[in-house]
N, C-alpha and C. Protein backbone atom coordinates (compact mmCIF):
# COMPACT_ATOMS: atom_id res chain seq x y z
N MET A 1 0.83 -1.17 0.00
CA MET A 1 0.00 0.00 0.00
C MET A 1 0.89 1.25 0.00
N ASP A 2 0.53 2.21 -0.81
CA ASP A 2 1.26 3.47 -0.84
C ASP A 2 0.93 4.28 0.39
N GLU A 3 1.93 4.93 0.95
CA GLU A 3 1.72 5.80 2.09
C GLU A 3 2.11 7.21 1.71
N ILE A 4 1.33 8.17 2.16
CA ILE A 4 1.59 9.57 1.90
C ILE A 4 1.96 10.22 3.21
N GLU A 5 3.02 11.00 3.21
CA GLU A 5 3.41 11.72 4.41
C GLU A 5 2.79 13.11 4.38
N PHE A 6 1.93 13.37 5.35
CA PHE A 6 1.26 14.66 5.48
C PHE A 6 2.01 15.49 6.51
N ASP A 7 2.41 16.70 6.13
CA ASP A 7 3.16 17.53 7.07
C ASP A 7 2.81 19.01 7.01
N THR A 8 1.81 19.37 6.23
CA THR A 8 1.40 20.76 6.11
C THR A 8 -0.08 20.85 6.41
N TYR A 9 -0.46 21.80 7.28
CA TYR A 9 -1.84 21.89 7.75
C TYR A 9 -2.38 23.31 7.71
N HIS A 10 -1.92 24.13 6.76
CA HIS A 10 -2.39 25.52 6.66
C HIS A 10 -2.71 25.89 5.21
N SER A 11 -3.55 25.13 4.54
CA SER A 11 -4.01 25.41 3.18
C SER A 11 -2.90 25.83 2.24
N ASP A 12 -2.10 24.86 1.84
CA ASP A 12 -0.93 25.12 1.01
C ASP A 12 -1.20 24.71 -0.44
N ALA A 13 -1.64 25.68 -1.26
CA ALA A 13 -1.95 25.43 -2.66
C ALA A 13 -0.71 25.10 -3.48
N SER A 14 0.48 25.43 -2.97
CA SER A 14 1.70 25.12 -3.71
C SER A 14 1.93 23.61 -3.82
N GLN A 15 1.20 22.83 -3.04
CA GLN A 15 1.34 21.37 -3.12
C GLN A 15 0.66 20.78 -4.35
N LEU A 16 -0.25 21.53 -4.97
CA LEU A 16 -0.99 21.02 -6.13
C LEU A 16 -0.05 20.92 -7.33
N GLN A 17 0.16 19.70 -7.80
CA GLN A 17 1.07 19.44 -8.91
C GLN A 17 0.32 18.81 -10.08
N ILE A 18 0.80 19.08 -11.28
CA ILE A 18 0.24 18.48 -12.49
C ILE A 18 0.98 17.17 -12.76
N ALA A 19 0.23 16.09 -12.95
CA ALA A 19 0.84 14.79 -13.25
C ALA A 19 1.27 14.73 -14.71
N GLU A 20 0.39 15.21 -15.59
CA GLU A 20 0.70 15.25 -17.02
C GLU A 20 -0.27 16.19 -17.72
N THR A 21 0.16 16.68 -18.87
CA THR A 21 -0.69 17.53 -19.70
C THR A 21 -1.02 16.74 -20.96
N LEU A 22 -2.32 16.63 -21.26
CA LEU A 22 -2.80 15.81 -22.37
C LEU A 22 -3.08 16.68 -23.59
N ASP A 23 -3.25 16.04 -24.73
CA ASP A 23 -3.57 16.75 -25.96
C ASP A 23 -5.04 17.14 -26.03
N SER A 24 -5.90 16.37 -25.36
CA SER A 24 -7.33 16.67 -25.36
C SER A 24 -7.86 16.63 -23.93
N ASN A 25 -9.05 17.18 -23.75
CA ASN A 25 -9.65 17.24 -22.42
C ASN A 25 -10.02 15.87 -21.90
N GLU A 26 -9.81 15.67 -20.63
CA GLU A 26 -10.23 14.47 -19.92
C GLU A 26 -11.08 14.91 -18.73
N VAL A 27 -11.92 14.01 -18.26
CA VAL A 27 -12.75 14.27 -17.09
C VAL A 27 -12.13 13.56 -15.89
N VAL A 28 -11.97 14.29 -14.80
CA VAL A 28 -11.44 13.74 -13.56
C VAL A 28 -12.51 13.92 -12.49
N MET A 29 -12.79 12.84 -11.76
CA MET A 29 -13.75 12.90 -10.66
C MET A 29 -13.07 12.34 -9.43
N VAL A 30 -12.97 13.17 -8.40
CA VAL A 30 -12.28 12.79 -7.17
C VAL A 30 -13.24 12.94 -6.00
N HIS A 31 -13.21 11.98 -5.10
CA HIS A 31 -13.95 12.07 -3.84
C HIS A 31 -12.96 11.73 -2.73
N SER A 32 -12.93 12.58 -1.70
CA SER A 32 -12.06 12.33 -0.57
C SER A 32 -12.80 12.63 0.73
N ASP A 33 -12.59 11.77 1.73
CA ASP A 33 -13.15 12.02 3.04
C ASP A 33 -12.08 12.57 3.99
N LEU A 34 -11.01 13.10 3.45
CA LEU A 34 -9.90 13.63 4.24
C LEU A 34 -10.09 15.10 4.64
N LEU A 35 -11.14 15.74 4.15
CA LEU A 35 -11.33 17.17 4.41
C LEU A 35 -11.65 17.42 5.88
N ARG A 36 -10.89 18.29 6.48
CA ARG A 36 -11.18 18.76 7.84
C ARG A 36 -10.65 20.17 7.99
N SER A 37 -11.48 21.03 8.49
CA SER A 37 -11.07 22.39 8.82
C SER A 37 -11.65 22.68 10.20
N ASN A 38 -11.45 23.88 10.68
CA ASN A 38 -11.97 24.25 11.99
C ASN A 38 -13.00 25.35 11.84
N CYS A 39 -14.00 25.31 12.71
CA CYS A 39 -15.03 26.33 12.73
C CYS A 39 -14.39 27.68 13.08
N ARG A 40 -14.74 28.69 12.35
CA ARG A 40 -14.20 30.03 12.58
C ARG A 40 -14.63 30.58 13.94
N VAL A 41 -15.81 30.21 14.41
CA VAL A 41 -16.36 30.75 15.65
C VAL A 41 -15.89 29.95 16.87
N THR A 42 -16.05 28.61 16.82
CA THR A 42 -15.78 27.78 17.99
C THR A 42 -14.41 27.09 17.95
N ASN A 43 -13.78 27.08 16.80
CA ASN A 43 -12.52 26.38 16.55
C ASN A 43 -12.65 24.86 16.69
N GLN A 44 -13.89 24.34 16.72
CA GLN A 44 -14.12 22.90 16.74
C GLN A 44 -13.85 22.34 15.34
N PRO A 45 -13.40 21.09 15.27
CA PRO A 45 -13.13 20.49 13.96
C PRO A 45 -14.41 20.22 13.17
N ASP A 46 -14.38 20.52 11.90
CA ASP A 46 -15.47 20.24 10.98
C ASP A 46 -14.97 19.24 9.94
N TRP A 47 -15.51 18.03 9.98
CA TRP A 47 -15.12 16.98 9.03
C TRP A 47 -16.04 17.01 7.83
N GLY A 48 -15.49 16.70 6.66
CA GLY A 48 -16.32 16.69 5.47
C GLY A 48 -15.75 15.81 4.37
N ASP A 49 -16.57 15.63 3.37
CA ASP A 49 -16.16 14.94 2.15
C ASP A 49 -16.09 16.00 1.07
N VAL A 50 -15.06 15.93 0.25
CA VAL A 50 -14.93 16.87 -0.86
C VAL A 50 -15.05 16.09 -2.16
N PHE A 51 -15.85 16.64 -3.08
CA PHE A 51 -16.03 16.07 -4.42
C PHE A 51 -15.47 17.08 -5.41
N ILE A 52 -14.58 16.65 -6.27
CA ILE A 52 -13.98 17.51 -7.27
C ILE A 52 -14.20 16.87 -8.63
N HIS A 53 -14.87 17.58 -9.51
CA HIS A 53 -15.05 17.14 -10.89
C HIS A 53 -14.43 18.21 -11.77
N MET A 54 -13.53 17.81 -12.65
CA MET A 54 -12.93 18.79 -13.56
C MET A 54 -12.75 18.18 -14.94
N GLU A 55 -12.76 19.07 -15.91
CA GLU A 55 -12.52 18.67 -17.29
C GLU A 55 -11.45 19.59 -17.84
N GLY A 56 -10.38 18.99 -18.34
CA GLY A 56 -9.30 19.80 -18.87
C GLY A 56 -8.14 18.95 -19.34
N LYS A 57 -7.07 19.61 -19.69
CA LYS A 57 -5.89 18.93 -20.21
C LYS A 57 -4.84 18.63 -19.14
N ASN A 58 -4.87 19.39 -18.05
CA ASN A 58 -3.89 19.20 -16.99
C ASN A 58 -4.43 18.22 -15.96
N MET A 59 -3.80 17.06 -15.91
CA MET A 59 -4.23 16.02 -14.98
C MET A 59 -3.53 16.20 -13.64
N PRO A 60 -4.29 16.16 -12.55
CA PRO A 60 -3.68 16.36 -11.24
C PRO A 60 -2.87 15.16 -10.79
N ASP A 61 -1.83 15.44 -10.04
CA ASP A 61 -1.11 14.41 -9.33
C ASP A 61 -1.93 14.12 -8.07
N PHE A 62 -2.45 12.92 -7.94
CA PHE A 62 -3.42 12.63 -6.88
C PHE A 62 -2.80 12.64 -5.48
N GLU A 63 -1.53 12.33 -5.36
CA GLU A 63 -0.88 12.43 -4.05
C GLU A 63 -0.81 13.89 -3.62
N SER A 64 -0.46 14.78 -4.55
CA SER A 64 -0.40 16.21 -4.20
C SER A 64 -1.79 16.75 -3.88
N LEU A 65 -2.81 16.24 -4.56
CA LEU A 65 -4.18 16.66 -4.28
C LEU A 65 -4.60 16.22 -2.87
N ALA A 66 -4.24 15.00 -2.47
CA ALA A 66 -4.53 14.53 -1.11
C ALA A 66 -3.81 15.38 -0.08
N LYS A 67 -2.56 15.70 -0.33
CA LYS A 67 -1.81 16.56 0.59
C LYS A 67 -2.46 17.93 0.71
N TYR A 68 -2.92 18.46 -0.41
CA TYR A 68 -3.59 19.76 -0.39
C TYR A 68 -4.87 19.70 0.45
N ILE A 69 -5.67 18.68 0.25
CA ILE A 69 -6.93 18.56 1.00
C ILE A 69 -6.64 18.48 2.50
N VAL A 70 -5.65 17.70 2.89
CA VAL A 70 -5.30 17.56 4.30
C VAL A 70 -4.71 18.87 4.85
N SER A 71 -4.14 19.70 3.99
CA SER A 71 -3.50 20.93 4.45
C SER A 71 -4.48 21.94 5.05
N HIS A 72 -5.77 21.65 5.01
CA HIS A 72 -6.76 22.55 5.60
C HIS A 72 -7.04 22.25 7.07
N ARG A 73 -6.34 21.32 7.67
CA ARG A 73 -6.63 20.83 9.01
C ARG A 73 -6.58 21.90 10.10
N GLN A 74 -5.73 22.91 9.96
CA GLN A 74 -5.64 23.94 10.99
C GLN A 74 -6.17 25.29 10.50
N VAL A 75 -6.92 25.27 9.42
CA VAL A 75 -7.51 26.50 8.88
C VAL A 75 -8.86 26.71 9.55
N SER A 76 -9.13 27.92 10.00
CA SER A 76 -10.40 28.24 10.65
C SER A 76 -11.22 29.15 9.73
N HIS A 77 -12.17 28.54 9.02
CA HIS A 77 -13.06 29.27 8.11
C HIS A 77 -14.42 28.61 8.13
N PHE A 78 -15.41 29.32 7.63
CA PHE A 78 -16.72 28.74 7.43
C PHE A 78 -16.65 27.76 6.26
N HIS A 79 -17.59 26.81 6.21
CA HIS A 79 -17.60 25.79 5.17
C HIS A 79 -17.59 26.40 3.78
N GLU A 80 -18.38 27.44 3.59
CA GLU A 80 -18.47 28.08 2.27
C GLU A 80 -17.12 28.67 1.85
N GLU A 81 -16.39 29.20 2.81
CA GLU A 81 -15.07 29.78 2.51
C GLU A 81 -14.07 28.70 2.12
N ILE A 82 -14.13 27.56 2.79
CA ILE A 82 -13.25 26.44 2.44
C ILE A 82 -13.54 25.97 1.03
N CYS A 83 -14.82 25.81 0.70
CA CYS A 83 -15.20 25.37 -0.65
C CYS A 83 -14.70 26.36 -1.70
N GLU A 84 -14.88 27.62 -1.45
CA GLU A 84 -14.43 28.65 -2.39
C GLU A 84 -12.90 28.64 -2.52
N MET A 85 -12.20 28.44 -1.41
CA MET A 85 -10.74 28.40 -1.43
C MET A 85 -10.25 27.21 -2.26
N VAL A 86 -10.85 26.04 -2.02
CA VAL A 86 -10.46 24.84 -2.77
C VAL A 86 -10.74 25.05 -4.25
N PHE A 87 -11.92 25.58 -4.59
CA PHE A 87 -12.29 25.84 -5.98
C PHE A 87 -11.26 26.77 -6.63
N THR A 88 -10.93 27.86 -5.96
CA THR A 88 -10.00 28.85 -6.51
C THR A 88 -8.61 28.27 -6.71
N HIS A 89 -8.11 27.55 -5.71
CA HIS A 89 -6.77 26.97 -5.82
C HIS A 89 -6.68 25.93 -6.92
N ILE A 90 -7.69 25.09 -7.03
CA ILE A 90 -7.68 24.06 -8.09
C ILE A 90 -7.79 24.72 -9.47
N ASN A 91 -8.62 25.72 -9.57
CA ASN A 91 -8.77 26.45 -10.83
C ASN A 91 -7.44 27.08 -11.24
N GLU A 92 -6.75 27.68 -10.31
CA GLU A 92 -5.45 28.31 -10.60
C GLU A 92 -4.37 27.28 -10.93
N ALA A 93 -4.37 26.16 -10.22
CA ALA A 93 -3.31 25.15 -10.40
C ALA A 93 -3.45 24.36 -11.69
N TYR A 94 -4.70 24.03 -12.09
CA TYR A 94 -4.91 23.12 -13.21
C TYR A 94 -5.56 23.78 -14.43
N ASP A 95 -6.08 24.97 -14.28
CA ASP A 95 -6.70 25.71 -15.38
C ASP A 95 -7.68 24.84 -16.18
N PRO A 96 -8.65 24.21 -15.50
CA PRO A 96 -9.58 23.33 -16.22
C PRO A 96 -10.58 24.12 -17.07
N GLU A 97 -11.12 23.46 -18.08
CA GLU A 97 -12.18 24.06 -18.88
C GLU A 97 -13.47 24.17 -18.06
N LYS A 98 -13.72 23.14 -17.23
CA LYS A 98 -14.88 23.09 -16.35
C LYS A 98 -14.43 22.58 -15.00
N LEU A 99 -15.09 23.07 -13.94
CA LEU A 99 -14.71 22.66 -12.60
C LEU A 99 -15.91 22.71 -11.67
N MET A 100 -16.01 21.72 -10.78
CA MET A 100 -17.03 21.71 -9.74
C MET A 100 -16.36 21.19 -8.46
N VAL A 101 -16.59 21.92 -7.38
CA VAL A 101 -16.12 21.49 -6.06
C VAL A 101 -17.33 21.52 -5.12
N ALA A 102 -17.56 20.42 -4.44
CA ALA A 102 -18.63 20.34 -3.43
C ALA A 102 -18.01 19.84 -2.13
N CYS A 103 -18.35 20.50 -1.03
CA CYS A 103 -17.87 20.12 0.29
C CYS A 103 -19.07 19.75 1.15
N LEU A 104 -19.22 18.46 1.42
CA LEU A 104 -20.35 17.97 2.22
C LEU A 104 -19.84 17.72 3.63
N TYR A 105 -20.16 18.64 4.51
CA TYR A 105 -19.65 18.59 5.88
C TYR A 105 -20.54 17.76 6.79
N THR A 106 -19.93 17.21 7.83
CA THR A 106 -20.66 16.48 8.85
C THR A 106 -21.59 17.44 9.57
N ARG A 107 -22.81 17.00 9.76
CA ARG A 107 -23.84 17.82 10.41
C ARG A 107 -23.43 18.11 11.85
N ARG A 108 -23.55 19.38 12.22
CA ARG A 108 -23.36 19.78 13.62
C ARG A 108 -24.53 20.68 14.00
N GLY A 109 -25.11 20.42 15.15
CA GLY A 109 -26.24 21.24 15.58
C GLY A 109 -27.48 21.03 14.74
N GLY A 110 -27.55 19.90 14.03
CA GLY A 110 -28.72 19.59 13.23
C GLY A 110 -28.79 20.33 11.91
N ILE A 111 -27.72 21.00 11.53
CA ILE A 111 -27.74 21.80 10.31
C ILE A 111 -26.74 21.24 9.30
N ASP A 112 -27.23 20.98 8.08
CA ASP A 112 -26.36 20.59 6.97
C ASP A 112 -25.87 21.84 6.26
N ILE A 113 -24.57 21.94 6.06
CA ILE A 113 -24.02 23.01 5.24
C ILE A 113 -23.13 22.33 4.21
N ASN A 114 -23.58 22.35 2.97
CA ASN A 114 -22.92 21.62 1.89
C ASN A 114 -22.73 22.52 0.68
N PRO A 115 -21.73 23.41 0.71
CA PRO A 115 -21.54 24.33 -0.40
C PRO A 115 -21.04 23.64 -1.66
N ILE A 116 -21.49 24.15 -2.80
CA ILE A 116 -21.06 23.68 -4.11
C ILE A 116 -20.68 24.89 -4.94
N ARG A 117 -19.58 24.78 -5.66
CA ARG A 117 -19.15 25.87 -6.55
C ARG A 117 -18.81 25.24 -7.87
N ALA A 118 -19.35 25.76 -8.97
CA ALA A 118 -19.11 25.18 -10.29
C ALA A 118 -19.02 26.26 -11.35
N THR A 119 -18.21 25.99 -12.36
CA THR A 119 -18.11 26.91 -13.50
C THR A 119 -19.26 26.71 -14.47
N HIS A 120 -19.80 25.49 -14.53
CA HIS A 120 -20.87 25.14 -15.46
C HIS A 120 -21.89 24.26 -14.72
N GLY A 121 -23.16 24.54 -14.92
CA GLY A 121 -24.21 23.79 -14.26
C GLY A 121 -24.18 22.31 -14.55
N ASP A 122 -23.73 21.93 -15.75
CA ASP A 122 -23.72 20.51 -16.10
C ASP A 122 -22.64 19.72 -15.34
N MET A 123 -21.77 20.40 -14.61
CA MET A 123 -20.76 19.72 -13.81
C MET A 123 -21.32 19.27 -12.45
N ILE A 124 -22.46 19.83 -12.05
CA ILE A 124 -23.05 19.47 -10.76
C ILE A 124 -23.85 18.18 -10.95
N PRO A 125 -23.49 17.12 -10.24
CA PRO A 125 -24.25 15.87 -10.36
C PRO A 125 -25.72 16.10 -10.02
N SER A 126 -26.60 15.42 -10.75
CA SER A 126 -28.04 15.67 -10.61
C SER A 126 -28.56 15.38 -9.21
N PHE A 127 -27.91 14.47 -8.47
CA PHE A 127 -28.41 14.17 -7.14
C PHE A 127 -28.25 15.34 -6.18
N PHE A 128 -27.40 16.31 -6.50
CA PHE A 128 -27.26 17.49 -5.66
C PHE A 128 -28.42 18.47 -5.85
N THR A 129 -29.05 18.42 -7.00
CA THR A 129 -30.08 19.41 -7.31
C THR A 129 -31.49 18.83 -7.41
N ALA A 130 -31.61 17.51 -7.46
CA ALA A 130 -32.93 16.88 -7.59
C ALA A 130 -33.67 16.94 -6.27
N MET A 131 -34.85 17.51 -6.28
CA MET A 131 -35.64 17.66 -5.06
C MET A 131 -36.17 16.32 -4.54
N ASP A 132 -36.28 15.32 -5.41
CA ASP A 132 -36.85 14.05 -4.99
C ASP A 132 -35.79 13.03 -4.57
N VAL A 133 -34.53 13.45 -4.48
CA VAL A 133 -33.45 12.56 -4.09
C VAL A 133 -32.96 12.96 -2.71
N ARG A 134 -32.91 12.00 -1.84
CA ARG A 134 -32.38 12.25 -0.49
C ARG A 134 -30.98 11.67 -0.43
N LEU A 135 -30.01 12.49 -0.10
CA LEU A 135 -28.63 12.02 0.00
C LEU A 135 -28.46 11.19 1.25
N SER A 136 -27.86 10.02 1.09
CA SER A 136 -27.57 9.22 2.27
C SER A 136 -26.27 9.76 2.88
N LYS A 137 -26.23 9.78 4.16
CA LYS A 137 -25.09 10.33 4.88
C LYS A 137 -24.00 9.29 5.02
N THR A 138 -22.78 9.77 5.13
CA THR A 138 -21.68 8.86 5.43
C THR A 138 -21.78 8.48 6.90
N LEU A 139 -21.00 7.53 7.33
CA LEU A 139 -21.02 7.07 8.71
C LEU A 139 -20.79 8.22 9.69
N ARG A 140 -19.89 9.13 9.35
CA ARG A 140 -19.61 10.28 10.23
C ARG A 140 -20.76 11.24 10.30
N GLN A 141 -21.54 11.35 9.24
CA GLN A 141 -22.60 12.34 9.18
C GLN A 141 -23.82 11.85 9.91
């Protein structure tokens, strides 16, 4: 099994590396349950799952992407700010044609906060917007 050494915990976008640049666009879909930041008000940990869908020529190095996601561990922001930060950093690092970032955080206080940011509506999976679909929660949620 491959092991990744995590040693940065303050939102370090410089960790985002390109694995390869292709001649034509490819679709990349990533899901990670490694997202954790801290509440801006209480400084309590907020655990979440991050979904990244992108279409472009620059393919991410997945180890660097995992390191980047973990680098938010000591950042104190609201969920929406984390989602926007991840969206902006990925957009700058990979320059995709299309990009969607969704951060589904563990419920605290009975409130779901699940921000989504996308360049194009067709990048948002239909289960996020369908009123008749109920999302099943992860074990943590």
